[in-house]
Amino acid sequence: MNVLLRPATESDSNDVGDILYAFLDETPWMPRMHSRRQTRKFCDSMIARGWVTLAVVDGELKAFISREEQFIHALYVVGDSCGQGIGHRLLRDAQMQELALELWTFQFNEGAQRFYLREGFVEMERTDGQGNDEKLPDIRYRWERGAS
């Protein structure tokens, strides 16, 4: 498997948006709040800010991470590519660039929780979700270089 990590460009907006939209479609507990067009536009804004790195596997876009310095806004892997180490590669790249990283994930997303704990993140707090747009309970995680 040949994995290339590269910065996203404006021409990647629709494909990145489609990865995010597919996750929303495939996740029954996730509320549908935005159209495909709005999701693509949101991804376009993250790309324009220079936050998005893509994982291209054998020439095909399979995942992306959106990171603003130490804060990870999003990390999504195409469904049939989960468990192949692609998310790990994106996260490891971010960890090599920062001394610490933080992110939020939903309490319902047990797969993400296992992934981040395995990658050395520590749970910092849980909320009832009243502070996020989806109103879903969430968890804040933090990773620090050198911490065990």
C-alpha atoms as a PDB file:
ATOM      1  CA  MET A   1       0.000   0.000   0.000  1.00  0.00           C
ATOM      2  CA  ASN A   2       1.508   3.313  -1.137  1.00  0.00           C
ATOM      3  CA  VAL A   3       0.306   6.177   1.118  1.00  0.00           C
ATOM      4  CA  LEU A   4       1.088   9.767   0.173  1.00  0.00           C
ATOM      5  CA  LEU A   5       0.344  12.600   2.607  1.00  0.00           C
ATOM      6  CA  ARG A   6      -0.080  15.986   0.950  1.00  0.00           C
ATOM      7  CA  PRO A   7      -1.713  19.344   1.616  1.00  0.00           C
ATOM      8  CA  ALA A   8      -5.212  19.686   0.201  1.00  0.00           C
ATOM      9  CA  THR A   9      -5.822  22.172  -2.594  1.00  0.00           C
ATOM     10  CA  GLU A  10      -8.960  23.987  -3.675  1.00  0.00           C
ATOM     11  CA  SER A  11      -9.614  21.281  -6.279  1.00  0.00           C
ATOM     12  CA  ASP A  12      -9.901  18.693  -3.452  1.00  0.00           C
ATOM     13  CA  SER A  13     -12.852  20.427  -1.743  1.00  0.00           C
ATOM     14  CA  ASN A  14     -15.615  18.266  -3.179  1.00  0.00           C
ATOM     15  CA  ASP A  15     -13.783  15.008  -2.475  1.00  0.00           C
ATOM     16  CA  VAL A  16     -12.968  16.019   1.108  1.00  0.00           C
ATOM     17  CA  GLY A  17     -16.565  17.144   1.609  1.00  0.00           C
ATOM     18  CA  ASP A  18     -17.809  13.830   0.248  1.00  0.00           C
ATOM     19  CA  ILE A  19     -15.712  11.898   2.800  1.00  0.00           C
ATOM     20  CA  LEU A  20     -17.228  13.928   5.631  1.00  0.00           C
ATOM     21  CA  TYR A  21     -20.745  13.684   4.185  1.00  0.00           C
ATOM     22  CA  ALA A  22     -20.415   9.895   3.800  1.00  0.00           C
ATOM     23  CA  PHE A  23     -19.483   9.612   7.493  1.00  0.00           C
ATOM     24  CA  LEU A  24     -22.619  11.560   8.380  1.00  0.00           C
ATOM     25  CA  ASP A  25     -24.706   9.281   6.140  1.00  0.00           C
ATOM     26  CA  GLU A  26     -23.213   6.113   7.632  1.00  0.00           C
ATOM     27  CA  THR A  27     -23.532   7.184  11.279  1.00  0.00           C
ATOM     28  CA  PRO A  28     -27.061   6.697  12.634  1.00  0.00           C
ATOM     29  CA  TRP A  29     -26.522   8.684  15.849  1.00  0.00           C
ATOM     30  CA  MET A  30     -25.201  11.748  14.008  1.00  0.00           C
ATOM     31  CA  PRO A  31     -27.864  14.413  13.336  1.00  0.00           C
ATOM     32  CA  ARG A  32     -28.196  15.592   9.722  1.00  0.00           C
ATOM     33  CA  MET A  33     -27.584  19.322   9.978  1.00  0.00           C
ATOM     34  CA  HIS A  34     -26.136  20.313   6.589  1.00  0.00           C
ATOM     35  CA  SER A  35     -26.609  19.477   2.937  1.00  0.00           C
ATOM     36  CA  ARG A  36     -23.844  17.920   0.819  1.00  0.00           C
ATOM     37  CA  ARG A  37     -23.254  21.351  -0.727  1.00  0.00           C
ATOM     38  CA  GLN A  38     -22.903  23.013   2.696  1.00  0.00           C
ATOM     39  CA  THR A  39     -20.551  20.236   3.840  1.00  0.00           C
ATOM     40  CA  ARG A  40     -18.372  20.740   0.777  1.00  0.00           C
ATOM     41  CA  LYS A  41     -18.331  24.501   1.385  1.00  0.00           C
ATOM     42  CA  PHE A  42     -17.279  23.929   4.999  1.00  0.00           C
ATOM     43  CA  CYS A  43     -14.427  21.695   3.818  1.00  0.00           C
ATOM     44  CA  ASP A  44     -13.470  24.315   1.243  1.00  0.00           C
ATOM     45  CA  SER A  45     -13.075  26.868   4.056  1.00  0.00           C
ATOM     46  CA  MET A  46     -10.810  24.513   6.044  1.00  0.00           C
ATOM     47  CA  ILE A  47      -8.696  23.895   2.938  1.00  0.00           C
ATOM     48  CA  ALA A  48      -8.467  27.636   2.204  1.00  0.00           C
ATOM     49  CA  ARG A  49      -7.059  28.154   5.723  1.00  0.00           C
ATOM     50  CA  GLY A  50      -4.348  25.559   5.029  1.00  0.00           C
ATOM     51  CA  TRP A  51      -5.588  23.176   7.717  1.00  0.00           C
ATOM     52  CA  VAL A  52      -6.192  20.026   5.639  1.00  0.00           C
ATOM     53  CA  THR A  53      -3.748  17.218   4.891  1.00  0.00           C
ATOM     54  CA  LEU A  54      -4.861  14.341   2.693  1.00  0.00           C
ATOM     55  CA  ALA A  55      -3.929  10.672   2.711  1.00  0.00           C
ATOM     56  CA  VAL A  56      -3.873   9.401  -0.872  1.00  0.00           C
ATOM     57  CA  VAL A  57      -3.547   5.619  -1.136  1.00  0.00           C
ATOM     58  CA  ASP A  58      -2.475   4.167  -4.461  1.00  0.00           C
ATOM     59  CA  GLY A  59      -3.689   7.361  -6.142  1.00  0.00           C
ATOM     60  CA  GLU A  60      -7.084   7.458  -4.383  1.00  0.00           C
ATOM     61  CA  LEU A  61      -8.113   9.891  -1.603  1.00  0.00           C
ATOM     62  CA  LYS A  62      -8.855   7.780   1.476  1.00  0.00           C
ATOM     63  CA  ALA A  63      -8.653  10.143   4.461  1.00  0.00           C
ATOM     64  CA  PHE A  64      -8.009  13.660   5.703  1.00  0.00           C
ATOM     65  CA  ILE A  65      -7.062  15.514   8.836  1.00  0.00           C
ATOM     66  CA  SER A  66      -7.941  19.146   9.492  1.00  0.00           C
ATOM     67  CA  ARG A  67      -5.620  20.759  12.008  1.00  0.00           C
ATOM     68  CA  GLU A  68      -5.161  24.330  13.165  1.00  0.00           C
ATOM     69  CA  GLU A  69      -1.797  24.228  14.908  1.00  0.00           C
ATOM     70  CA  GLN A  70      -2.390  22.089  18.027  1.00  0.00           C
ATOM     71  CA  PHE A  71      -6.144  21.647  17.559  1.00  0.00           C
ATOM     72  CA  ILE A  72      -7.477  18.836  15.398  1.00  0.00           C
ATOM     73  CA  HIS A  73     -10.830  19.852  13.922  1.00  0.00           C
ATOM     74  CA  ALA A  74     -11.436  16.615  12.018  1.00  0.00           C
ATOM     75  CA  LEU A  75      -9.902  13.279  11.104  1.00  0.00           C
ATOM     76  CA  TYR A  76     -11.930  11.052   8.779  1.00  0.00           C
ATOM     77  CA  VAL A  77     -11.071   7.843   6.957  1.00  0.00           C
ATOM     78  CA  VAL A  78     -13.230   6.391   4.168  1.00  0.00           C
ATOM     79  CA  GLY A  79     -15.280   3.572   5.724  1.00  0.00           C
ATOM     80  CA  ASP A  80     -13.754   0.606   3.886  1.00  0.00           C
ATOM     81  CA  SER A  81     -10.235   1.920   4.601  1.00  0.00           C
ATOM     82  CA  CYS A  82     -10.597   2.014   8.393  1.00  0.00           C
ATOM     83  CA  GLY A  83      -8.206  -0.231  10.286  1.00  0.00           C
ATOM     84  CA  GLN A  84      -5.447  -0.041   7.666  1.00  0.00           C
ATOM     85  CA  GLY A  85      -3.224   2.459   9.494  1.00  0.00           C
ATOM     86  CA  ILE A  86      -4.157   5.460   7.344  1.00  0.00           C
ATOM     87  CA  GLY A  87      -5.577   7.512  10.221  1.00  0.00           C
ATOM     88  CA  HIS A  88      -2.503   6.574  12.262  1.00  0.00           C
ATOM     89  CA  ARG A  89      -0.231   7.964   9.509  1.00  0.00           C
ATOM     90  CA  LEU A  90      -2.126  11.277   9.417  1.00  0.00           C
ATOM     91  CA  LEU A  91      -2.087  11.569  13.188  1.00  0.00           C
ATOM     92  CA  ARG A  92       1.604  10.639  13.439  1.00  0.00           C
ATOM     93  CA  ASP A  93       2.408  13.368  10.902  1.00  0.00           C
ATOM     94  CA  ALA A  94       0.573  15.915  13.080  1.00  0.00           C
ATOM     95  CA  GLN A  95       2.330  14.627  16.206  1.00  0.00           C
ATOM     96  CA  MET A  96       5.715  15.123  14.550  1.00  0.00           C
ATOM     97  CA  GLN A  97       4.863  18.795  13.939  1.00  0.00           C
ATOM     98  CA  GLU A  98       3.512  19.753  17.369  1.00  0.00           C
ATOM     99  CA  LEU A  99       4.453  19.286  21.022  1.00  0.00           C
ATOM    100  CA  ALA A 100       0.806  18.750  21.973  1.00  0.00           C
ATOM    101  CA  LEU A 101      -2.509  18.113  20.235  1.00  0.00           C
ATOM    102  CA  GLU A 102      -6.119  18.448  21.365  1.00  0.00           C
ATOM    103  CA  LEU A 103      -9.433  17.376  19.900  1.00  0.00           C
ATOM    104  CA  TRP A 104     -13.034  16.597  20.697  1.00  0.00           C
ATOM    105  CA  THR A 105     -14.908  13.443  19.766  1.00  0.00           C
ATOM    106  CA  PHE A 106     -18.457  12.370  20.489  1.00  0.00           C
ATOM    107  CA  GLN A 107     -19.089   9.919  23.318  1.00  0.00           C
ATOM    108  CA  PHE A 108     -21.102   7.795  20.872  1.00  0.00           C
ATOM    109  CA  ASN A 109     -18.002   7.390  18.667  1.00  0.00           C
ATOM    110  CA  GLU A 110     -16.448   4.464  20.522  1.00  0.00           C
ATOM    111  CA  GLY A 111     -14.143   3.596  17.611  1.00  0.00           C
ATOM    112  CA  ALA A 112     -12.603   7.082  17.714  1.00  0.00           C
ATOM    113  CA  GLN A 113     -12.185   6.844  21.487  1.00  0.00           C
ATOM    114  CA  ARG A 114     -10.286   3.541  21.181  1.00  0.00           C
ATOM    115  CA  PHE A 115      -8.156   4.992  18.369  1.00  0.00           C
ATOM    116  CA  TYR A 116      -7.129   8.147  20.254  1.00  0.00           C
ATOM    117  CA  LEU A 117      -6.408   6.271  23.493  1.00  0.00           C
ATOM    118  CA  ARG A 118      -4.259   3.796  21.541  1.00  0.00           C
ATOM    119  CA  GLU A 119      -2.394   6.768  19.995  1.00  0.00           C
ATOM    120  CA  GLY A 120      -1.474   8.153  23.429  1.00  0.00           C
ATOM    121  CA  PHE A 121      -4.239  10.714  23.955  1.00  0.00           C
ATOM    122  CA  VAL A 122      -5.627  11.237  27.452  1.00  0.00           C
ATOM    123  CA  GLU A 123      -9.216  12.123  28.290  1.00  0.00           C
ATOM    124  CA  MET A 124      -9.385  15.632  29.759  1.00  0.00           C
ATOM    125  CA  GLU A 125     -13.119  16.259  30.162  1.00  0.00           C
ATOM    126  CA  ARG A 126     -16.603  15.112  29.192  1.00  0.00           C
ATOM    127  CA  THR A 127     -19.580  17.337  28.483  1.00  0.00           C
ATOM    128  CA  ASP A 128     -23.299  16.849  27.979  1.00  0.00           C
ATOM    129  CA  GLY A 129     -22.992  18.316  24.470  1.00  0.00           C
ATOM    130  CA  GLN A 130     -24.724  21.620  25.130  1.00  0.00           C
ATOM    131  CA  GLY A 131     -21.612  23.455  23.897  1.00  0.00           C
ATOM    132  CA  ASN A 132     -21.487  21.849  20.435  1.00  0.00           C
ATOM    133  CA  ASP A 133     -23.700  22.335  17.383  1.00  0.00           C
ATOM    134  CA  GLU A 134     -24.933  18.732  17.364  1.00  0.00           C
ATOM    135  CA  LYS A 135     -25.887  18.814  21.075  1.00  0.00           C
ATOM    136  CA  LEU A 136     -24.251  15.389  21.521  1.00  0.00           C
ATOM    137  CA  PRO A 137     -22.186  14.445  24.591  1.00  0.00           C
ATOM    138  CA  ASP A 138     -18.496  14.738  23.806  1.00  0.00           C
ATOM    139  CA  ILE A 139     -15.002  14.160  25.165  1.00  0.00           C
ATOM    140  CA  ARG A 140     -11.920  16.382  24.965  1.00  0.00           C
ATOM    141  CA  TYR A 141      -8.629  14.540  24.473  1.00  0.00           C
ATOM    142  CA  ARG A 142      -5.045  15.781  24.707  1.00  0.00           C
ATOM    143  CA  TRP A 143      -1.746  14.306  23.574  1.00  0.00           C
ATOM    144  CA  GLU A 144       1.672  15.606  24.680  1.00  0.00           C
ATOM    145  CA  ARG A 145       5.002  14.539  23.247  1.00  0.00           C
ATOM    146  CA  GLY A 146       6.923  12.507  25.780  1.00  0.00           C
ATOM    147  CA  ALA A 147       3.906  11.845  28.026  1.00  0.00           C
ATOM    148  CA  SER A 148       2.986   8.238  28.733  1.00  0.00           C
END
